[in-house]
Amino acid sequence: MNVRLNREWSRLLESYKADHKDPRNRATHMVGIPMILASLPIAATIVGLPLGAALFTGGWALQFLGHHYEGNDPAFFTDRRSLAVGAMWWAQKVGLVSLESEAQQAVTGGRTSTSATV
C-alpha cells in the first residue's frame, strides 16, 4: 500500500531518517519498534500482560541503546509525532508500506494504485 505524506509528515520522516543514520541504531530500531508495537495488543489482556510488559521494556531498551550509538536523543523527546513516524519508518523498511513524500508525488503526479494520505 502506498501512503502519500503531506508536507509536514514528509518533513518529519526526513528528520527522523537524519537522526537515524548509524547502522547500529537502525538495527536496534528494526528490532525494538516491532517489539513495542506488538507489546500493546498483547498487554491488553491479563494473560498477556507479563509478555507485553517484557516486550515493551525490551523494545524501549533497544531504542535507547541505538540512540546511545547514534549520540543523540530519541526524536520523540522534541516531537511526540515521531513515535508514529518511527512506526511508519519501520513499516517502510520491512516492505509493509511505501511512503511517498510530496516531492515524490510531484514527480509521479500523485498516481498510485492503492493509497492513503497522511
C-alpha atoms as a PDB file:
ATOM      1  CA  MET A   1       0.000   0.000   0.000  1.00  0.00           C
ATOM      2  CA  ASN A   2       1.252   3.476  -0.834  1.00  0.00           C
ATOM      3  CA  VAL A   3       0.921   6.204   1.772  1.00  0.00           C
ATOM      4  CA  ARG A   4       1.163   9.748   0.457  1.00  0.00           C
ATOM      5  CA  LEU A   5       2.626  12.094   3.049  1.00  0.00           C
ATOM      6  CA  ASN A   6       1.759  15.769   3.169  1.00  0.00           C
ATOM      7  CA  ARG A   7       4.493  18.395   3.517  1.00  0.00           C
ATOM      8  CA  GLU A   8       4.560  18.270   7.333  1.00  0.00           C
ATOM      9  CA  TRP A   9       4.741  14.471   7.604  1.00  0.00           C
ATOM     10  CA  SER A  10       7.301  14.363   4.774  1.00  0.00           C
ATOM     11  CA  ARG A  11       9.453  16.759   6.795  1.00  0.00           C
ATOM     12  CA  LEU A  12       9.005  14.661   9.936  1.00  0.00           C
ATOM     13  CA  LEU A  13      10.047  11.487   8.103  1.00  0.00           C
ATOM     14  CA  GLU A  14      13.133  13.150   6.605  1.00  0.00           C
ATOM     15  CA  SER A  15      14.082  14.499  10.035  1.00  0.00           C
ATOM     16  CA  TYR A  16      13.598  11.030  11.531  1.00  0.00           C
ATOM     17  CA  LYS A  17      15.840   9.478   8.877  1.00  0.00           C
ATOM     18  CA  ALA A  18      18.513  12.126   9.515  1.00  0.00           C
ATOM     19  CA  ASP A  19      18.501  11.231  13.224  1.00  0.00           C
ATOM     20  CA  HIS A  20      18.903   7.513  12.483  1.00  0.00           C
ATOM     21  CA  LYS A  21      21.981   7.107  10.274  1.00  0.00           C
ATOM     22  CA  ASP A  22      24.185   4.865  12.419  1.00  0.00           C
ATOM     23  CA  PRO A  23      23.718   1.241  11.277  1.00  0.00           C
ATOM     24  CA  ARG A  24      23.685   0.051  14.895  1.00  0.00           C
ATOM     25  CA  ASN A  25      20.895   2.486  15.724  1.00  0.00           C
ATOM     26  CA  ARG A  26      18.899   1.376  12.694  1.00  0.00           C
ATOM     27  CA  ALA A  27      19.420  -2.281  13.654  1.00  0.00           C
ATOM     28  CA  THR A  28      18.196  -1.726  17.213  1.00  0.00           C
ATOM     29  CA  HIS A  29      15.179   0.150  15.858  1.00  0.00           C
ATOM     30  CA  MET A  30      14.381  -2.624  13.368  1.00  0.00           C
ATOM     31  CA  VAL A  31      14.009  -4.981  16.347  1.00  0.00           C
ATOM     32  CA  GLY A  32      12.816  -2.574  19.046  1.00  0.00           C
ATOM     33  CA  ILE A  33       9.965  -0.893  17.152  1.00  0.00           C
ATOM     34  CA  PRO A  34       8.073  -4.110  16.350  1.00  0.00           C
ATOM     35  CA  MET A  35       8.617  -5.294  19.934  1.00  0.00           C
ATOM     36  CA  ILE A  36       6.955  -2.120  21.219  1.00  0.00           C
ATOM     37  CA  LEU A  37       4.142  -2.296  18.655  1.00  0.00           C
ATOM     38  CA  ALA A  38       3.465  -5.970  19.421  1.00  0.00           C
ATOM     39  CA  SER A  39       3.507  -5.333  23.164  1.00  0.00           C
ATOM     40  CA  LEU A  40       0.455  -3.079  23.061  1.00  0.00           C
ATOM     41  CA  PRO A  41      -2.239  -5.563  21.970  1.00  0.00           C
ATOM     42  CA  ILE A  42      -0.562  -8.421  23.863  1.00  0.00           C
ATOM     43  CA  ALA A  43      -0.511  -6.449  27.127  1.00  0.00           C
ATOM     44  CA  ALA A  44      -4.176  -5.556  26.708  1.00  0.00           C
ATOM     45  CA  THR A  45      -5.066  -8.986  28.070  1.00  0.00           C
ATOM     46  CA  ILE A  46      -4.452 -10.117  31.635  1.00  0.00           C
ATOM     47  CA  VAL A  47      -2.832 -13.320  30.376  1.00  0.00           C
ATOM     48  CA  GLY A  48      -0.524 -11.406  28.027  1.00  0.00           C
ATOM     49  CA  LEU A  49       0.418  -8.625  30.432  1.00  0.00           C
ATOM     50  CA  PRO A  50       3.769 -10.131  31.548  1.00  0.00           C
ATOM     51  CA  LEU A  51       4.834 -10.843  27.960  1.00  0.00           C
ATOM     52  CA  GLY A  52       3.597  -7.445  26.787  1.00  0.00           C
ATOM     53  CA  ALA A  53       5.493  -5.687  29.572  1.00  0.00           C
ATOM     54  CA  ALA A  54       8.682  -7.575  28.709  1.00  0.00           C
ATOM     55  CA  LEU A  55       8.354  -6.760  25.006  1.00  0.00           C
ATOM     56  CA  PHE A  56       7.618  -3.096  25.746  1.00  0.00           C
ATOM     57  CA  THR A  57      10.546  -2.729  28.156  1.00  0.00           C
ATOM     58  CA  GLY A  58      12.962  -4.638  25.937  1.00  0.00           C
ATOM     59  CA  GLY A  59      11.905  -2.691  22.851  1.00  0.00           C
ATOM     60  CA  TRP A  60      12.485   0.639  24.550  1.00  0.00           C
ATOM     61  CA  ALA A  61      15.830  -0.561  25.916  1.00  0.00           C
ATOM     62  CA  LEU A  62      16.900  -1.273  22.345  1.00  0.00           C
ATOM     63  CA  GLN A  63      15.682   2.155  21.223  1.00  0.00           C
ATOM     64  CA  PHE A  64      17.757   3.916  23.868  1.00  0.00           C
ATOM     65  CA  LEU A  65      20.787   1.724  23.159  1.00  0.00           C
ATOM     66  CA  GLY A  66      20.529   2.707  19.498  1.00  0.00           C
ATOM     67  CA  HIS A  67      20.466   6.377  20.379  1.00  0.00           C
ATOM     68  CA  HIS A  68      23.497   5.862  22.603  1.00  0.00           C
ATOM     69  CA  TYR A  69      25.308   4.573  19.497  1.00  0.00           C
ATOM     70  CA  GLU A  70      23.959   7.445  17.403  1.00  0.00           C
ATOM     71  CA  GLY A  71      24.920  10.030  20.023  1.00  0.00           C
ATOM     72  CA  ASN A  72      21.548  11.802  20.029  1.00  0.00           C
ATOM     73  CA  ASP A  73      18.268  11.813  21.900  1.00  0.00           C
ATOM     74  CA  PRO A  74      15.217   9.968  20.592  1.00  0.00           C
ATOM     75  CA  ALA A  75      13.235  12.146  18.182  1.00  0.00           C
ATOM     76  CA  PHE A  76      10.076  11.944  20.311  1.00  0.00           C
ATOM     77  CA  PHE A  77      11.810  13.951  23.057  1.00  0.00           C
ATOM     78  CA  THR A  78      11.145  17.056  20.933  1.00  0.00           C
ATOM     79  CA  ASP A  79       8.088  15.945  18.905  1.00  0.00           C
ATOM     80  CA  ARG A  80       5.787  13.138  20.030  1.00  0.00           C
ATOM     81  CA  ARG A  81       4.605  12.624  16.458  1.00  0.00           C
ATOM     82  CA  SER A  82       7.959  10.925  15.939  1.00  0.00           C
ATOM     83  CA  LEU A  83       6.509   7.888  17.714  1.00  0.00           C
ATOM     84  CA  ALA A  84       4.148   7.434  14.752  1.00  0.00           C
ATOM     85  CA  VAL A  85       6.891   8.337  12.277  1.00  0.00           C
ATOM     86  CA  GLY A  86       9.110   5.618  13.758  1.00  0.00           C
ATOM     87  CA  ALA A  87       6.394   3.042  13.181  1.00  0.00           C
ATOM     88  CA  MET A  88       5.949   4.319   9.605  1.00  0.00           C
ATOM     89  CA  TRP A  89       9.735   4.178   9.037  1.00  0.00           C
ATOM     90  CA  TRP A  90       9.811   0.569  10.252  1.00  0.00           C
ATOM     91  CA  ALA A  91       6.795  -0.410   8.127  1.00  0.00           C
ATOM     92  CA  GLN A  92       8.523   1.049   5.070  1.00  0.00           C
ATOM     93  CA  LYS A  93      11.803  -0.721   5.861  1.00  0.00           C
ATOM     94  CA  VAL A  94      10.139  -4.148   6.093  1.00  0.00           C
ATOM     95  CA  GLY A  95       8.031  -3.527   2.975  1.00  0.00           C
ATOM     96  CA  LEU A  96       4.590  -3.208   4.577  1.00  0.00           C
ATOM     97  CA  VAL A  97       4.007   0.246   3.078  1.00  0.00           C
ATOM     98  CA  SER A  98       5.538   2.557   0.535  1.00  0.00           C
ATOM     99  CA  LEU A  99       5.825   6.113   1.831  1.00  0.00           C
ATOM    100  CA  GLU A 100       5.666   8.830  -0.807  1.00  0.00           C
ATOM    101  CA  SER A 101       6.731  12.354   0.104  1.00  0.00           C
ATOM    102  CA  GLU A 102       5.304  15.474  -1.513  1.00  0.00           C
ATOM    103  CA  ALA A 103       8.480  15.771  -3.587  1.00  0.00           C
ATOM    104  CA  GLN A 104       7.980  12.231  -4.921  1.00  0.00           C
ATOM    105  CA  GLN A 105       4.302  12.952  -5.593  1.00  0.00           C
ATOM    106  CA  ALA A 106       5.299  15.923  -7.752  1.00  0.00           C
ATOM    107  CA  VAL A 107       7.451  13.633  -9.901  1.00  0.00           C
ATOM    108  CA  THR A 108       4.851  10.862 -10.222  1.00  0.00           C
ATOM    109  CA  GLY A 109       1.856  13.169 -10.414  1.00  0.00           C
ATOM    110  CA  GLY A 110       0.439  11.514  -7.282  1.00  0.00           C
ATOM    111  CA  ARG A 111      -0.551   8.398  -9.233  1.00  0.00           C
ATOM    112  CA  THR A 112      -0.711   5.268  -7.072  1.00  0.00           C
ATOM    113  CA  SER A 113      -2.706   2.071  -7.301  1.00  0.00           C
ATOM    114  CA  THR A 114      -3.723   1.876  -3.636  1.00  0.00           C
ATOM    115  CA  SER A 115      -3.029   4.866  -1.459  1.00  0.00           C
ATOM    116  CA  ALA A 116      -3.862   6.674   1.723  1.00  0.00           C
ATOM    117  CA  THR A 117      -2.903  10.233   2.581  1.00  0.00           C
ATOM    118  CA  VAL A 118      -1.325  11.357   5.859  1.00  0.00           C
END
